[in-house]
Amino acid sequence: MKKPISATIDEDIINWIEKEISNTRKYRNKSHLIEIALDALRKKEVRK
């Protein structure tokens, strides 16, 4: 089950997210990109 959260994010990162979403069909929306990025970080941390 997914739950909504709130986060304060640097404007440069938000601009990058918006460019990524508009330049590719890889991500459905901001939430999808953030979820994929956090999952990749989690997997990287587990491998250490």
C-alpha atoms as a PDB file:
ATOM      1  CA  MET A   1       0.000   0.000   0.000  1.00  0.00           C
ATOM      2  CA  LYS A   2       1.323   3.441  -0.887  1.00  0.00           C
ATOM      3  CA  LYS A   3       0.989   6.410   1.438  1.00  0.00           C
ATOM      4  CA  PRO A   4       1.424  10.088   0.598  1.00  0.00           C
ATOM      5  CA  ILE A   5       4.312  11.981   2.180  1.00  0.00           C
ATOM      6  CA  SER A   6       5.557  15.535   2.101  1.00  0.00           C
ATOM      7  CA  ALA A   7       9.166  16.592   1.512  1.00  0.00           C
ATOM      8  CA  THR A   8      11.059  19.834   1.094  1.00  0.00           C
ATOM      9  CA  ILE A   9      13.402  19.499  -1.874  1.00  0.00           C
ATOM     10  CA  ASP A  10      16.025  21.868  -3.256  1.00  0.00           C
ATOM     11  CA  GLU A  11      14.857  23.813  -6.314  1.00  0.00           C
ATOM     12  CA  ASP A  12      17.735  22.490  -8.453  1.00  0.00           C
ATOM     13  CA  ILE A  13      16.624  18.921  -7.797  1.00  0.00           C
ATOM     14  CA  ILE A  14      12.998  19.778  -8.560  1.00  0.00           C
ATOM     15  CA  ASN A  15      14.083  21.329 -11.868  1.00  0.00           C
ATOM     16  CA  TRP A  16      16.060  18.174 -12.691  1.00  0.00           C
ATOM     17  CA  ILE A  17      13.056  15.975 -11.818  1.00  0.00           C
ATOM     18  CA  GLU A  18      10.774  18.034 -14.060  1.00  0.00           C
ATOM     19  CA  LYS A  19      13.254  17.784 -16.962  1.00  0.00           C
ATOM     20  CA  GLU A  20      13.557  14.021 -16.497  1.00  0.00           C
ATOM     21  CA  ILE A  21       9.791  13.600 -16.532  1.00  0.00           C
ATOM     22  CA  SER A  22       9.310  15.767 -19.619  1.00  0.00           C
ATOM     23  CA  ASN A  23      12.226  14.260 -21.599  1.00  0.00           C
ATOM     24  CA  THR A  24      11.421  10.574 -21.168  1.00  0.00           C
ATOM     25  CA  ARG A  25       8.525   8.183 -20.811  1.00  0.00           C
ATOM     26  CA  LYS A  26      10.503   6.305 -18.173  1.00  0.00           C
ATOM     27  CA  TYR A  27       8.684   8.015 -15.281  1.00  0.00           C
ATOM     28  CA  ARG A  28       4.938   8.533 -14.944  1.00  0.00           C
ATOM     29  CA  ASN A  29       5.231  11.501 -12.579  1.00  0.00           C
ATOM     30  CA  LYS A  30       7.373  13.063  -9.837  1.00  0.00           C
ATOM     31  CA  SER A  31       6.314  10.492  -7.268  1.00  0.00           C
ATOM     32  CA  HIS A  32       7.278   7.645  -9.588  1.00  0.00           C
ATOM     33  CA  LEU A  33      10.751   9.099 -10.225  1.00  0.00           C
ATOM     34  CA  ILE A  34      11.355   9.718  -6.511  1.00  0.00           C
ATOM     35  CA  GLU A  35      10.180   6.212  -5.616  1.00  0.00           C
ATOM     36  CA  ILE A  36      12.537   4.649  -8.181  1.00  0.00           C
ATOM     37  CA  ALA A  37      15.448   6.808  -6.980  1.00  0.00           C
ATOM     38  CA  LEU A  38      14.873   5.885  -3.332  1.00  0.00           C
ATOM     39  CA  ASP A  39      14.551   2.203  -4.196  1.00  0.00           C
ATOM     40  CA  ALA A  40      17.888   2.360  -6.071  1.00  0.00           C
ATOM     41  CA  LEU A  41      19.518   4.037  -3.058  1.00  0.00           C
ATOM     42  CA  ARG A  42      18.095   1.386  -0.731  1.00  0.00           C
ATOM     43  CA  LYS A  43      19.417  -1.429  -2.927  1.00  0.00           C
ATOM     44  CA  LYS A  44      22.832   0.240  -3.095  1.00  0.00           C
ATOM     45  CA  GLU A  45      22.961   0.521   0.715  1.00  0.00           C
ATOM     46  CA  VAL A  46      22.026  -3.152   1.149  1.00  0.00           C
ATOM     47  CA  ARG A  47      24.929  -4.234  -1.103  1.00  0.00           C
ATOM     48  CA  LYS A  48      27.515  -2.522   1.143  1.00  0.00           C
END
